[in-house]
Each structure stands twice: as structure tokens, then as C-alpha cells.
């Protein structure tokens, strides 16, 4: 782990999997959010790793709360010393909405040379 990134020690084919808990809450009766997460290799986004969360929720007598888990798994060929990270690539929130990401998990397993 270097600078919040996983550094691959050897070239090969890897399975990379991630998951992140998402909590959407706020102060309004209508909540809205769109979020994309993506894996990044050496600062370059890997499009096939992108996941999307989108929610528009209307409350009644109480303010709504939405929870979900965003996750993805891919196979990819990597070079030695490649740096892997996960990051949001897009975020849009409606007025009064708050988005919290927690318990991130990034797993990297070498499966072939």
C-alpha cells in the first residue's frame, strides 16, 4: 500500500474487486444522488470497472434514508509496479442531500502469469 493505492509487485493477470457502502440522507423530503465509482490504474480510469448508484427518493412523514453497496470485479493484465486505486468519477447531489461512503474494500489477487 503506497499513497492509498495498492502497488502490484509482479506482472500478470489479476482479479480486482472492490466494494463500498453508500448512505444517502439529507434534510429534505426528496433526496437525489448519482455517483460513479471506478478503478484507476496508474491514474487512468478503467471503464469496464465503473459502477453507478442513482437514487431519487421521496419521503412522507419522515426524511428518507437510502443505503446500498456498490461493488465490481474485473480481470485485467497488469505490469509490475502498477498502482491500483478506487475513486469517484462523477458525483451529483440534489439540494439538501448528503452522501457518505464507508468501509471501502479493494481486493487484488494474481491469478496467472
C-alpha atoms as a PDB file:
ATOM      1  CA  UNK A   1       0.000   0.000   0.000  1.00  0.00           C
ATOM      2  CA  UNK A   2       1.525   3.300  -1.157  1.00  0.00           C
ATOM      3  CA  UNK A   3      -0.321   6.656  -1.060  1.00  0.00           C
ATOM      4  CA  UNK A   4      -3.710   4.905  -0.608  1.00  0.00           C
ATOM      5  CA  UNK A   5      -3.016   2.726  -3.643  1.00  0.00           C
ATOM      6  CA  UNK A   6      -2.122  -0.938  -3.972  1.00  0.00           C
ATOM      7  CA  UNK A   7       1.119  -1.491  -5.892  1.00  0.00           C
ATOM      8  CA  UNK A   8       1.319  -4.725  -7.905  1.00  0.00           C
ATOM      9  CA  UNK A   9       4.662  -6.478  -7.246  1.00  0.00           C
ATOM     10  CA  UNK A  10       4.782  -8.584 -10.443  1.00  0.00           C
ATOM     11  CA  UNK A  11       3.281  -8.604 -13.938  1.00  0.00           C
ATOM     12  CA  UNK A  12       0.368 -10.959 -14.604  1.00  0.00           C
ATOM     13  CA  UNK A  13      -3.389 -11.346 -14.846  1.00  0.00           C
ATOM     14  CA  UNK A  14      -5.203 -10.122 -11.749  1.00  0.00           C
ATOM     15  CA  UNK A  15      -8.695 -10.238 -10.369  1.00  0.00           C
ATOM     16  CA  UNK A  16      -9.514  -6.869  -8.849  1.00  0.00           C
ATOM     17  CA  UNK A  17     -12.658  -6.483  -6.762  1.00  0.00           C
ATOM     18  CA  UNK A  18     -13.991  -3.563  -4.765  1.00  0.00           C
ATOM     19  CA  UNK A  19     -16.981  -2.729  -2.621  1.00  0.00           C
ATOM     20  CA  UNK A  20     -18.099   0.436  -0.836  1.00  0.00           C
ATOM     21  CA  UNK A  21     -21.102   1.066   1.424  1.00  0.00           C
ATOM     22  CA  UNK A  22     -23.209   4.068   0.382  1.00  0.00           C
ATOM     23  CA  UNK A  23     -25.576   6.059   2.606  1.00  0.00           C
ATOM     24  CA  UNK A  24     -27.793   8.769   1.105  1.00  0.00           C
ATOM     25  CA  UNK A  25     -29.528  11.036   3.607  1.00  0.00           C
ATOM     26  CA  UNK A  26     -30.475  14.662   3.971  1.00  0.00           C
ATOM     27  CA  UNK A  27     -32.676  17.410   5.273  1.00  0.00           C
ATOM     28  CA  UNK A  28     -35.342  17.384   2.550  1.00  0.00           C
ATOM     29  CA  UNK A  29     -38.236  15.024   1.789  1.00  0.00           C
ATOM     30  CA  UNK A  30     -36.819  14.401  -1.694  1.00  0.00           C
ATOM     31  CA  UNK A  31     -33.290  13.032  -1.915  1.00  0.00           C
ATOM     32  CA  UNK A  32     -31.347  12.576  -5.113  1.00  0.00           C
ATOM     33  CA  UNK A  33     -27.863  11.439  -5.992  1.00  0.00           C
ATOM     34  CA  UNK A  34     -25.866   9.991  -8.845  1.00  0.00           C
ATOM     35  CA  UNK A  35     -22.437   8.512  -8.146  1.00  0.00           C
ATOM     36  CA  UNK A  36     -19.981   6.615 -10.352  1.00  0.00           C
ATOM     37  CA  UNK A  37     -17.051   4.703  -8.850  1.00  0.00           C
ATOM     38  CA  UNK A  38     -14.178   3.447 -10.988  1.00  0.00           C
ATOM     39  CA  UNK A  39     -10.871   1.625 -10.630  1.00  0.00           C
ATOM     40  CA  UNK A  40      -7.836   3.606 -11.661  1.00  0.00           C
ATOM     41  CA  UNK A  41      -4.557   2.037 -12.826  1.00  0.00           C
ATOM     42  CA  UNK A  42      -1.611   4.459 -12.718  1.00  0.00           C
ATOM     43  CA  UNK A  43      -4.098   7.344 -12.739  1.00  0.00           C
ATOM     44  CA  UNK A  44      -6.039   6.070 -15.780  1.00  0.00           C
ATOM     45  CA  UNK A  45      -9.692   5.108 -15.248  1.00  0.00           C
ATOM     46  CA  UNK A  46     -10.647   1.568 -16.318  1.00  0.00           C
ATOM     47  CA  UNK A  47     -14.092   1.995 -17.906  1.00  0.00           C
ATOM     48  CA  UNK A  48     -15.171  -1.646 -17.510  1.00  0.00           C
ATOM     49  CA  UNK A  49     -14.734  -1.281 -13.732  1.00  0.00           C
ATOM     50  CA  UNK A  50     -17.279   1.531 -13.335  1.00  0.00           C
ATOM     51  CA  UNK A  51     -20.327   1.123 -11.125  1.00  0.00           C
ATOM     52  CA  UNK A  52     -23.273   3.506 -10.856  1.00  0.00           C
ATOM     53  CA  UNK A  53     -25.559   4.442  -7.981  1.00  0.00           C
ATOM     54  CA  UNK A  54     -28.584   6.580  -8.750  1.00  0.00           C
ATOM     55  CA  UNK A  55     -31.455   7.299  -6.423  1.00  0.00           C
ATOM     56  CA  UNK A  56     -34.347   9.715  -6.223  1.00  0.00           C
ATOM     57  CA  UNK A  57     -36.408   9.088  -3.104  1.00  0.00           C
ATOM     58  CA  UNK A  58     -39.402  10.945  -1.742  1.00  0.00           C
ATOM     59  CA  UNK A  59     -40.269  10.749   1.927  1.00  0.00           C
ATOM     60  CA  UNK A  60     -43.649  11.112   3.551  1.00  0.00           C
ATOM     61  CA  UNK A  61     -43.773  11.934   7.246  1.00  0.00           C
ATOM     62  CA  UNK A  62     -40.090  11.205   7.707  1.00  0.00           C
ATOM     63  CA  UNK A  63     -36.976  12.120   5.770  1.00  0.00           C
ATOM     64  CA  UNK A  64     -35.866   9.109   3.717  1.00  0.00           C
ATOM     65  CA  UNK A  65     -32.544   7.306   4.024  1.00  0.00           C
ATOM     66  CA  UNK A  66     -31.178   5.077   1.260  1.00  0.00           C
ATOM     67  CA  UNK A  67     -28.380   2.536   1.775  1.00  0.00           C
ATOM     68  CA  UNK A  68     -26.684   0.257  -0.741  1.00  0.00           C
ATOM     69  CA  UNK A  69     -23.385  -1.435  -1.564  1.00  0.00           C
ATOM     70  CA  UNK A  70     -21.533  -0.627  -4.778  1.00  0.00           C
ATOM     71  CA  UNK A  71     -19.267  -3.439  -5.974  1.00  0.00           C
ATOM     72  CA  UNK A  72     -17.466  -4.728  -9.059  1.00  0.00           C
ATOM     73  CA  UNK A  73     -14.954  -7.409 -10.016  1.00  0.00           C
ATOM     74  CA  UNK A  74     -12.785  -7.460 -13.161  1.00  0.00           C
ATOM     75  CA  UNK A  75      -9.930  -9.462 -14.672  1.00  0.00           C
ATOM     76  CA  UNK A  76      -7.092  -7.373 -16.068  1.00  0.00           C
ATOM     77  CA  UNK A  77      -3.472  -7.784 -17.143  1.00  0.00           C
ATOM     78  CA  UNK A  78      -1.120  -5.592 -15.130  1.00  0.00           C
ATOM     79  CA  UNK A  79       2.573  -4.745 -15.196  1.00  0.00           C
ATOM     80  CA  UNK A  80       4.927  -4.824 -12.218  1.00  0.00           C
ATOM     81  CA  UNK A  81       4.655  -1.644 -10.091  1.00  0.00           C
ATOM     82  CA  UNK A  82       1.226  -0.677 -11.467  1.00  0.00           C
ATOM     83  CA  UNK A  83      -0.740   1.329  -8.886  1.00  0.00           C
ATOM     84  CA  UNK A  84      -4.411   0.480  -8.305  1.00  0.00           C
ATOM     85  CA  UNK A  85      -6.924   2.764  -6.613  1.00  0.00           C
ATOM     86  CA  UNK A  86     -10.677   3.301  -6.492  1.00  0.00           C
ATOM     87  CA  UNK A  87     -12.194   6.743  -6.849  1.00  0.00           C
ATOM     88  CA  UNK A  88     -15.447   8.549  -7.593  1.00  0.00           C
ATOM     89  CA  UNK A  89     -15.509   9.628 -11.242  1.00  0.00           C
ATOM     90  CA  UNK A  90     -18.812  11.536 -11.058  1.00  0.00           C
ATOM     91  CA  UNK A  91     -20.997  12.863  -8.253  1.00  0.00           C
ATOM     92  CA  UNK A  92     -24.196  14.896  -8.372  1.00  0.00           C
ATOM     93  CA  UNK A  93     -26.380  15.604  -5.326  1.00  0.00           C
ATOM     94  CA  UNK A  94     -29.764  17.287  -5.050  1.00  0.00           C
ATOM     95  CA  UNK A  95     -30.174  20.191  -2.621  1.00  0.00           C
ATOM     96  CA  UNK A  96     -30.274  19.008   0.969  1.00  0.00           C
ATOM     97  CA  UNK A  97     -28.881  15.547   0.165  1.00  0.00           C
ATOM     98  CA  UNK A  98     -25.748  14.104   1.729  1.00  0.00           C
ATOM     99  CA  UNK A  99     -23.795  11.087   0.531  1.00  0.00           C
ATOM    100  CA  UNK A 100     -21.478   9.075   2.769  1.00  0.00           C
ATOM    101  CA  UNK A 101     -19.097   6.328   1.597  1.00  0.00           C
ATOM    102  CA  UNK A 102     -17.808   3.887   4.204  1.00  0.00           C
ATOM    103  CA  UNK A 103     -15.992   0.580   4.658  1.00  0.00           C
ATOM    104  CA  UNK A 104     -14.164   0.536   1.308  1.00  0.00           C
ATOM    105  CA  UNK A 105     -12.701  -2.815   0.318  1.00  0.00           C
ATOM    106  CA  UNK A 106     -10.196  -3.325  -2.513  1.00  0.00           C
ATOM    107  CA  UNK A 107      -9.001  -6.867  -3.215  1.00  0.00           C
ATOM    108  CA  UNK A 108      -6.236  -7.725  -5.717  1.00  0.00           C
ATOM    109  CA  UNK A 109      -5.430 -11.377  -6.472  1.00  0.00           C
ATOM    110  CA  UNK A 110      -2.903 -12.606  -9.020  1.00  0.00           C
ATOM    111  CA  UNK A 111      -4.461 -15.498 -10.954  1.00  0.00           C
ATOM    112  CA  UNK A 112      -1.993 -16.082 -13.833  1.00  0.00           C
ATOM    113  CA  UNK A 113       1.387 -15.035 -15.174  1.00  0.00           C
END
